PDB file of N, CA and C in Angstrom:
ATOM      1  N   UNK A   1     124.821 284.165 230.642  1.00  0.00           N
ATOM      2  CA  UNK A   1     124.603 283.511 230.814  1.00  0.00           C
ATOM      3  C   UNK A   1     123.078 283.415 231.456  1.00  0.00           C
ATOM      4  N   UNK A   2     122.689 281.736 230.789  1.00  0.00           N
ATOM      5  CA  UNK A   2     121.304 281.570 230.799  1.00  0.00           C
ATOM      6  C   UNK A   2     120.906 281.137 231.831  1.00  0.00           C
ATOM      7  N   UNK A   3     119.544 281.269 232.490  1.00  0.00           N
ATOM      8  CA  UNK A   3     119.342 280.485 234.152  1.00  0.00           C
ATOM      9  C   UNK A   3     117.851 279.934 233.586  1.00  0.00           C
ATOM     10  N   UNK A   4     117.694 278.862 233.755  1.00  0.00           N
ATOM     11  CA  UNK A   4     116.328 278.312 233.602  1.00  0.00           C
ATOM     12  C   UNK A   4     115.372 278.103 234.660  1.00  0.00           C
ATOM     13  N   UNK A   5     114.377 277.979 235.410  1.00  0.00           N
ATOM     14  CA  UNK A   5     113.782 277.343 236.839  1.00  0.00           C
ATOM     15  C   UNK A   5     113.387 276.346 236.441  1.00  0.00           C
ATOM     16  N   UNK A   6     113.280 275.347 236.425  1.00  0.00           N
ATOM     17  CA  UNK A   6     112.145 274.085 235.959  1.00  0.00           C
ATOM     18  C   UNK A   6     111.977 273.869 237.552  1.00  0.00           C
ATOM     19  N   UNK A   7     110.216 273.774 237.269  1.00  0.00           N
ATOM     20  CA  UNK A   7     109.714 272.889 238.492  1.00  0.00           C
ATOM     21  C   UNK A   7     110.205 271.473 238.823  1.00  0.00           C
ATOM     22  N   UNK A   8     110.665 271.337 240.152  1.00  0.00           N
ATOM     23  CA  UNK A   8     110.939 270.209 240.543  1.00  0.00           C
ATOM     24  C   UNK A   8     109.514 268.940 240.596  1.00  0.00           C
ATOM     25  N   UNK A   9     108.867 268.729 239.586  1.00  0.00           N
ATOM     26  CA  UNK A   9     107.803 267.697 239.310  1.00  0.00           C
ATOM     27  C   UNK A   9     108.033 266.796 238.343  1.00  0.00           C
ATOM     28  N   UNK A  10     108.178 265.723 238.291  1.00  0.00           N
ATOM     29  CA  UNK A  10     108.147 264.577 237.444  1.00  0.00           C
ATOM     30  C   UNK A  10     107.690 264.399 236.017  1.00  0.00           C
ATOM     31  N   UNK A  11     106.717 265.682 235.840  1.00  0.00           N
ATOM     32  CA  UNK A  11     106.619 266.031 234.510  1.00  0.00           C
ATOM     33  C   UNK A  11     107.713 266.404 233.660  1.00  0.00           C
ATOM     34  N   UNK A  12     108.290 267.284 234.474  1.00  0.00           N
ATOM     35  CA  UNK A  12     109.381 268.266 233.833  1.00  0.00           C
ATOM     36  C   UNK A  12     110.979 267.678 233.356  1.00  0.00           C
ATOM     37  N   UNK A  13     111.083 266.630 233.904  1.00  0.00           N
ATOM     38  CA  UNK A  13     112.086 265.371 234.244  1.00  0.00           C
ATOM     39  C   UNK A  13     113.024 265.508 233.158  1.00  0.00           C
ATOM     40  N   UNK A  14     112.244 265.136 231.784  1.00  0.00           N
ATOM     41  CA  UNK A  14     112.953 265.210 230.230  1.00  0.00           C
ATOM     42  C   UNK A  14     113.874 266.476 230.032  1.00  0.00           C
ATOM     43  N   UNK A  15     113.071 267.855 230.824  1.00  0.00           N
ATOM     44  CA  UNK A  15     114.112 268.543 230.525  1.00  0.00           C
ATOM     45  C   UNK A  15     115.815 268.551 231.354  1.00  0.00           C
ATOM     46  N   UNK A  16     115.113 268.653 232.432  1.00  0.00           N
ATOM     47  CA  UNK A  16     115.748 268.403 233.477  1.00  0.00           C
ATOM     48  C   UNK A  16     117.540 267.516 232.865  1.00  0.00           C
ATOM     49  N   UNK A  17     116.602 266.140 232.320  1.00  0.00           N
ATOM     50  CA  UNK A  17     117.871 265.408 231.888  1.00  0.00           C
ATOM     51  C   UNK A  17     118.217 265.257 230.530  1.00  0.00           C
ATOM     52  N   UNK A  18     117.526 266.030 230.105  1.00  0.00           N
ATOM     53  CA  UNK A  18     118.015 266.659 228.612  1.00  0.00           C
ATOM     54  C   UNK A  18     119.810 267.445 229.105  1.00  0.00           C
ATOM     55  N   UNK A  19     118.939 268.684 230.173  1.00  0.00           N
ATOM     56  CA  UNK A  19     120.061 269.068 230.065  1.00  0.00           C
ATOM     57  C   UNK A  19     121.401 268.876 230.853  1.00  0.00           C
ATOM     58  N   UNK A  20     121.536 267.478 231.018  1.00  0.00           N
ATOM     59  CA  UNK A  20     122.641 267.190 231.755  1.00  0.00           C
ATOM     60  C   UNK A  20     123.358 266.752 231.016  1.00  0.00           C
ATOM     61  N   UNK A  21     122.945 266.593 229.746  1.00  0.00           N
ATOM     62  CA  UNK A  21     123.651 265.830 228.598  1.00  0.00           C
ATOM     63  C   UNK A  21     124.208 266.886 227.625  1.00  0.00           C
ATOM     64  N   UNK A  22     124.199 268.384 227.888  1.00  0.00           N
ATOM     65  CA  UNK A  22     124.360 269.094 227.115  1.00  0.00           C
ATOM     66  C   UNK A  22     125.696 269.441 227.600  1.00  0.00           C
ATOM     67  N   UNK A  23     126.456 269.807 226.894  1.00  0.00           N
ATOM     68  CA  UNK A  23     127.871 270.228 227.032  1.00  0.00           C
ATOM     69  C   UNK A  23     127.808 271.910 227.348  1.00  0.00           C
ATOM     70  N   UNK A  24     128.446 272.331 228.837  1.00  0.00           N
ATOM     71  CA  UNK A  24     128.522 273.447 229.342  1.00  0.00           C
ATOM     72  C   UNK A  24     126.871 273.878 229.911  1.00  0.00           C
ATOM     73  N   UNK A  25     126.541 272.827 229.819  1.00  0.00           N
ATOM     74  CA  UNK A  25     124.937 273.028 231.032  1.00  0.00           C
ATOM     75  C   UNK A  25     125.491 272.696 232.586  1.00  0.00           C
ATOM     76  N   UNK A  26     124.498 273.540 233.689  1.00  0.00           N
ATOM     77  CA  UNK A  26     124.925 273.034 234.530  1.00  0.00           C
ATOM     78  C   UNK A  26     123.585 272.609 235.408  1.00  0.00           C
ATOM     79  N   UNK A  27     123.188 271.818 235.776  1.00  0.00           N
ATOM     80  CA  UNK A  27     122.026 271.756 236.764  1.00  0.00           C
ATOM     81  C   UNK A  27     122.516 271.010 238.208  1.00  0.00           C
ATOM     82  N   UNK A  28     121.560 271.982 238.709  1.00  0.00           N
ATOM     83  CA  UNK A  28     121.722 272.492 240.499  1.00  0.00           C
ATOM     84  C   UNK A  28     120.648 271.651 240.755  1.00  0.00           C
ATOM     85  N   UNK A  29     120.628 271.073 242.017  1.00  0.00           N
ATOM     86  CA  UNK A  29     120.047 270.022 242.839  1.00  0.00           C
ATOM     87  C   UNK A  29     118.369 271.385 242.972  1.00  0.00           C
ATOM     88  N   UNK A  30     117.786 270.795 243.770  1.00  0.00           N
ATOM     89  CA  UNK A  30     116.188 271.924 243.856  1.00  0.00           C
ATOM     90  C   UNK A  30     116.389 272.500 244.583  1.00  0.00           C
ATOM     91  N   UNK A  31     116.038 273.931 244.772  1.00  0.00           N
ATOM     92  CA  UNK A  31     115.619 274.862 245.908  1.00  0.00           C
ATOM     93  C   UNK A  31     114.416 275.189 245.820  1.00  0.00           C
ATOM     94  N   UNK A  32     113.122 275.100 246.576  1.00  0.00           N
ATOM     95  CA  UNK A  32     112.545 275.914 246.965  1.00  0.00           C
ATOM     96  C   UNK A  32     111.266 275.272 245.741  1.00  0.00           C
ATOM     97  N   UNK A  33     111.309 273.908 245.534  1.00  0.00           N
ATOM     98  CA  UNK A  33     110.799 273.524 244.401  1.00  0.00           C
ATOM     99  C   UNK A  33     111.153 273.308 242.698  1.00  0.00           C
ATOM    100  N   UNK A  34     112.487 273.681 242.820  1.00  0.00           N
ATOM    101  CA  UNK A  34     112.821 274.690 241.019  1.00  0.00           C
ATOM    102  C   UNK A  34     113.922 273.593 240.927  1.00  0.00           C
ATOM    103  N   UNK A  35     114.597 273.152 239.636  1.00  0.00           N
ATOM    104  CA  UNK A  35     115.587 272.655 239.541  1.00  0.00           C
ATOM    105  C   UNK A  35     116.271 274.142 239.020  1.00  0.00           C
ATOM    106  N   UNK A  36     117.171 274.710 239.285  1.00  0.00           N
ATOM    107  CA  UNK A  36     118.338 275.241 238.323  1.00  0.00           C
ATOM    108  C   UNK A  36     118.646 275.182 237.148  1.00  0.00           C
ATOM    109  N   UNK A  37     118.557 275.297 235.887  1.00  0.00           N
ATOM    110  CA  UNK A  37     119.735 275.352 234.796  1.00  0.00           C
ATOM    111  C   UNK A  37     120.455 276.162 234.000  1.00  0.00           C
ATOM    112  N   UNK A  38     121.756 276.105 234.535  1.00  0.00           N
ATOM    113  CA  UNK A  38     122.987 276.856 233.922  1.00  0.00           C
ATOM    114  C   UNK A  38     123.200 276.656 232.576  1.00  0.00           C
ATOM    115  N   UNK A  39     123.639 277.722 231.539  1.00  0.00           N
ATOM    116  CA  UNK A  39     124.049 277.191 230.525  1.00  0.00           C
ATOM    117  C   UNK A  39     125.030 278.332 230.133  1.00  0.00           C
ATOM    118  N   UNK A  40     126.020 278.597 229.451  1.00  0.00           N
ATOM    119  CA  UNK A  40     127.259 279.644 229.356  1.00  0.00           C
ATOM    120  C   UNK A  40     126.456 280.852 228.316  1.00  0.00           C
ATOM    121  N   UNK A  41     126.548 280.175 227.000  1.00  0.00           N
ATOM    122  CA  UNK A  41     125.770 281.273 225.780  1.00  0.00           C
ATOM    123  C   UNK A  41     124.458 280.629 224.962  1.00  0.00           C
ATOM    124  N   UNK A  42     124.153 279.253 225.304  1.00  0.00           N
ATOM    125  CA  UNK A  42     122.844 278.886 224.767  1.00  0.00           C
ATOM    126  C   UNK A  42     121.985 278.069 225.178  1.00  0.00           C
ATOM    127  N   UNK A  43     120.851 278.305 225.075  1.00  0.00           N
ATOM    128  CA  UNK A  43     120.163 276.612 225.601  1.00  0.00           C
ATOM    129  C   UNK A  43     119.208 275.996 224.766  1.00  0.00           C
ATOM    130  N   UNK A  44     119.181 275.094 224.168  1.00  0.00           N
ATOM    131  CA  UNK A  44     118.353 274.590 222.944  1.00  0.00           C
ATOM    132  C   UNK A  44     117.860 273.284 223.140  1.00  0.00           C
ATOM    133  N   UNK A  45     116.421 273.438 223.384  1.00  0.00           N
ATOM    134  CA  UNK A  45     115.899 271.807 223.591  1.00  0.00           C
ATOM    135  C   UNK A  45     114.782 271.894 222.183  1.00  0.00           C
ATOM    136  N   UNK A  46     114.360 270.610 222.072  1.00  0.00           N
ATOM    137  CA  UNK A  46     113.461 270.305 220.907  1.00  0.00           C
ATOM    138  C   UNK A  46     112.433 269.369 221.460  1.00  0.00           C
ATOM    139  N   UNK A  47     111.040 269.623 221.667  1.00  0.00           N
ATOM    140  CA  UNK A  47     110.091 269.060 222.469  1.00  0.00           C
ATOM    141  C   UNK A  47     109.927 267.405 221.694  1.00  0.00           C
ATOM    142  N   UNK A  48     109.618 267.185 220.506  1.00  0.00           N
ATOM    143  CA  UNK A  48     109.658 266.230 220.344  1.00  0.00           C
ATOM    144  C   UNK A  48     111.229 264.900 220.643  1.00  0.00           C
ATOM    145  N   UNK A  49     112.096 265.338 221.069  1.00  0.00           N
ATOM    146  CA  UNK A  49     113.197 264.929 221.428  1.00  0.00           C
ATOM    147  C   UNK A  49     113.068 263.832 223.403  1.00  0.00           C
ATOM    148  N   UNK A  50     111.999 265.504 223.475  1.00  0.00           N
ATOM    149  CA  UNK A  50     112.127 265.316 225.122  1.00  0.00           C
ATOM    150  C   UNK A  50     110.839 264.902 225.484  1.00  0.00           C
ATOM    151  N   UNK A  51     110.306 264.223 224.217  1.00  0.00           N
ATOM    152  CA  UNK A  51     108.636 263.403 225.047  1.00  0.00           C
ATOM    153  C   UNK A  51     107.545 264.296 225.196  1.00  0.00           C
ATOM    154  N   UNK A  52     108.077 265.265 225.387  1.00  0.00           N
ATOM    155  CA  UNK A  52     106.926 266.526 226.117  1.00  0.00           C
ATOM    156  C   UNK A  52     105.071 266.910 224.809  1.00  0.00           C
ATOM    157  N   UNK A  53     104.345 266.434 225.609  1.00  0.00           N
ATOM    158  CA  UNK A  53     102.831 267.361 224.816  1.00  0.00           C
ATOM    159  C   UNK A  53     103.105 268.552 224.920  1.00  0.00           C
ATOM    160  N   UNK A  54     102.130 269.223 223.882  1.00  0.00           N
ATOM    161  CA  UNK A  54     101.982 270.622 223.687  1.00  0.00           C
ATOM    162  C   UNK A  54     101.760 271.421 224.713  1.00  0.00           C
ATOM    163  N   UNK A  55     101.285 270.932 226.003  1.00  0.00           N
ATOM    164  CA  UNK A  55     100.909 271.239 227.306  1.00  0.00           C
ATOM    165  C   UNK A  55     101.704 271.427 228.128  1.00  0.00           C
ATOM    166  N   UNK A  56     102.732 270.791 228.610  1.00  0.00           N
ATOM    167  CA  UNK A  56     103.805 271.012 229.120  1.00  0.00           C
ATOM    168  C   UNK A  56     104.676 271.751 228.200  1.00  0.00           C
ATOM    169  N   UNK A  57     105.093 271.605 227.454  1.00  0.00           N
ATOM    170  CA  UNK A  57     106.154 271.919 226.336  1.00  0.00           C
ATOM    171  C   UNK A  57     105.956 273.456 226.653  1.00  0.00           C
ATOM    172  N   UNK A  58     104.497 274.155 226.612  1.00  0.00           N
ATOM    173  CA  UNK A  58     104.299 275.371 226.466  1.00  0.00           C
ATOM    174  C   UNK A  58     104.395 276.000 228.178  1.00  0.00           C
ATOM    175  N   UNK A  59     104.702 275.234 229.056  1.00  0.00           N
ATOM    176  CA  UNK A  59     104.536 275.622 229.995  1.00  0.00           C
ATOM    177  C   UNK A  59     105.821 275.532 230.765  1.00  0.00           C
ATOM    178  N   UNK A  60     106.881 275.044 229.995  1.00  0.00           N
ATOM    179  CA  UNK A  60     108.418 274.777 230.087  1.00  0.00           C
ATOM    180  C   UNK A  60     109.392 275.777 230.722  1.00  0.00           C
ATOM    181  N   UNK A  61     108.797 276.471 231.027  1.00  0.00           N
ATOM    182  CA  UNK A  61     109.304 278.463 230.929  1.00  0.00           C
ATOM    183  C   UNK A  61     108.771 278.753 232.422  1.00  0.00           C
ATOM    184  N   UNK A  62     107.221 278.191 233.010  1.00  0.00           N
ATOM    185  CA  UNK A  62     106.783 278.577 234.019  1.00  0.00           C
ATOM    186  C   UNK A  62     107.668 278.964 235.705  1.00  0.00           C
ATOM    187  N   UNK A  63     108.964 278.441 235.189  1.00  0.00           N
ATOM    188  CA  UNK A  63     109.675 278.840 236.395  1.00  0.00           C
ATOM    189  C   UNK A  63     110.098 279.810 236.074  1.00  0.00           C
ATOM    190  N   UNK A  64     109.813 280.548 235.780  1.00  0.00           N
ATOM    191  CA  UNK A  64     110.815 281.836 234.807  1.00  0.00           C
ATOM    192  C   UNK A  64     112.574 281.143 234.515  1.00  0.00           C
ATOM    193  N   UNK A  65     113.110 282.410 233.951  1.00  0.00           N
ATOM    194  CA  UNK A  65     114.691 282.392 233.038  1.00  0.00           C
ATOM    195  C   UNK A  65     114.855 283.414 233.357  1.00  0.00           C
ATOM    196  N   UNK A  66     116.464 283.654 232.960  1.00  0.00           N
ATOM    197  CA  UNK A  66     116.999 284.728 232.511  1.00  0.00           C
ATOM    198  C   UNK A  66     117.784 284.415 231.286  1.00  0.00           C
ATOM    199  N   UNK A  67     118.036 285.629 230.308  1.00  0.00           N
ATOM    200  CA  UNK A  67     118.267 285.521 228.974  1.00  0.00           C
ATOM    201  C   UNK A  67     117.249 285.696 227.905  1.00  0.00           C
ATOM    202  N   UNK A  68     117.842 285.661 226.939  1.00  0.00           N
ATOM    203  CA  UNK A  68     116.769 286.193 225.493  1.00  0.00           C
ATOM    204  C   UNK A  68     116.069 285.240 224.727  1.00  0.00           C
ATOM    205  N   UNK A  69     114.775 284.842 224.454  1.00  0.00           N
ATOM    206  CA  UNK A  69     114.211 283.708 223.903  1.00  0.00           C
ATOM    207  C   UNK A  69     114.475 283.974 222.346  1.00  0.00           C
ATOM    208  N   UNK A  70     115.301 283.618 221.696  1.00  0.00           N
ATOM    209  CA  UNK A  70     115.351 283.572 220.278  1.00  0.00           C
ATOM    210  C   UNK A  70     114.497 283.038 219.269  1.00  0.00           C
ATOM    211  N   UNK A  71     114.448 281.862 219.801  1.00  0.00           N
ATOM    212  CA  UNK A  71     113.349 280.646 219.148  1.00  0.00           C
ATOM    213  C   UNK A  71     112.406 279.864 220.296  1.00  0.00           C
ATOM    214  N   UNK A  72     110.746 280.160 220.102  1.00  0.00           N
ATOM    215  CA  UNK A  72     109.955 279.473 221.203  1.00  0.00           C
ATOM    216  C   UNK A  72     108.848 278.990 220.217  1.00  0.00           C
ATOM    217  N   UNK A  73     108.875 278.130 219.572  1.00  0.00           N
ATOM    218  CA  UNK A  73     107.701 277.713 218.530  1.00  0.00           C
ATOM    219  C   UNK A  73     107.249 275.793 219.353  1.00  0.00           C
ATOM    220  N   UNK A  74     106.435 275.306 218.413  1.00  0.00           N
ATOM    221  CA  UNK A  74     105.613 274.509 219.020  1.00  0.00           C
ATOM    222  C   UNK A  74     106.762 273.223 218.928  1.00  0.00           C
ATOM    223  N   UNK A  75     107.684 273.425 218.589  1.00  0.00           N
ATOM    224  CA  UNK A  75     108.950 272.325 218.173  1.00  0.00           C
ATOM    225  C   UNK A  75     110.371 272.452 218.930  1.00  0.00           C
ATOM    226  N   UNK A  76     110.856 273.892 218.939  1.00  0.00           N
ATOM    227  CA  UNK A  76     111.901 274.342 219.349  1.00  0.00           C
ATOM    228  C   UNK A  76     112.023 275.584 220.611  1.00  0.00           C
ATOM    229  N   UNK A  77     112.944 275.258 221.432  1.00  0.00           N
ATOM    230  CA  UNK A  77     113.132 276.683 222.085  1.00  0.00           C
ATOM    231  C   UNK A  77     114.310 276.716 222.327  1.00  0.00           C
ATOM    232  N   UNK A  78     115.225 278.012 221.955  1.00  0.00           N
ATOM    233  CA  UNK A  78     116.043 278.552 221.565  1.00  0.00           C
ATOM    234  C   UNK A  78     116.208 280.156 222.810  1.00  0.00           C
ATOM    235  N   UNK A  79     117.266 279.834 223.643  1.00  0.00           N
ATOM    236  CA  UNK A  79     117.348 280.690 224.615  1.00  0.00           C
ATOM    237  C   UNK A  79     118.864 280.908 224.784  1.00  0.00           C
ATOM    238  N   UNK A  80     119.012 282.153 224.497  1.00  0.00           N
ATOM    239  CA  UNK A  80     120.788 283.043 224.260  1.00  0.00           C
ATOM    240  C   UNK A  80     120.770 283.722 225.707  1.00  0.00           C
ATOM    241  N   UNK A  81     122.424 283.919 225.982  1.00  0.00           N
ATOM    242  CA  UNK A  81     122.720 285.026 227.216  1.00  0.00           C
ATOM    243  C   UNK A  81     122.649 286.450 226.307  1.00  0.00           C
ATOM    244  N   UNK A  82     122.075 287.240 227.499  1.00  0.00           N
ATOM    245  CA  UNK A  82     121.521 288.693 227.414  1.00  0.00           C
ATOM    246  C   UNK A  82     123.115 289.194 226.669  1.00  0.00           C
ATOM    247  N   UNK A  83     123.847 288.528 226.624  1.00  0.00           N
ATOM    248  CA  UNK A  83     125.146 289.815 226.144  1.00  0.00           C
ATOM    249  C   UNK A  83     125.656 288.698 225.066  1.00  0.00           C
ATOM    250  N   UNK A  84     124.890 287.709 224.612  1.00  0.00           N
ATOM    251  CA  UNK A  84     125.561 287.232 222.994  1.00  0.00           C
ATOM    252  C   UNK A  84     125.101 288.357 221.739  1.00  0.00           C
TER     253      UNK A  84
END
């Protein structure tokens, strides 16, 4: 299981919105200032599709996460479950 904690601020709303549209992703209501996104096996996000600038993209994981980053560059973030 992958878990990403996204700060519940408007600047990160595109990440939360994109996760809602991913099959197998579950977005939980904010608790303690963070939205929790869970995915079973893989979570992949593309910066340009989200409309995020580099500064926000580079801090996308600032709330913390559980999983293994297999790709995180200027355009793509891909996290897989630790047991994948």
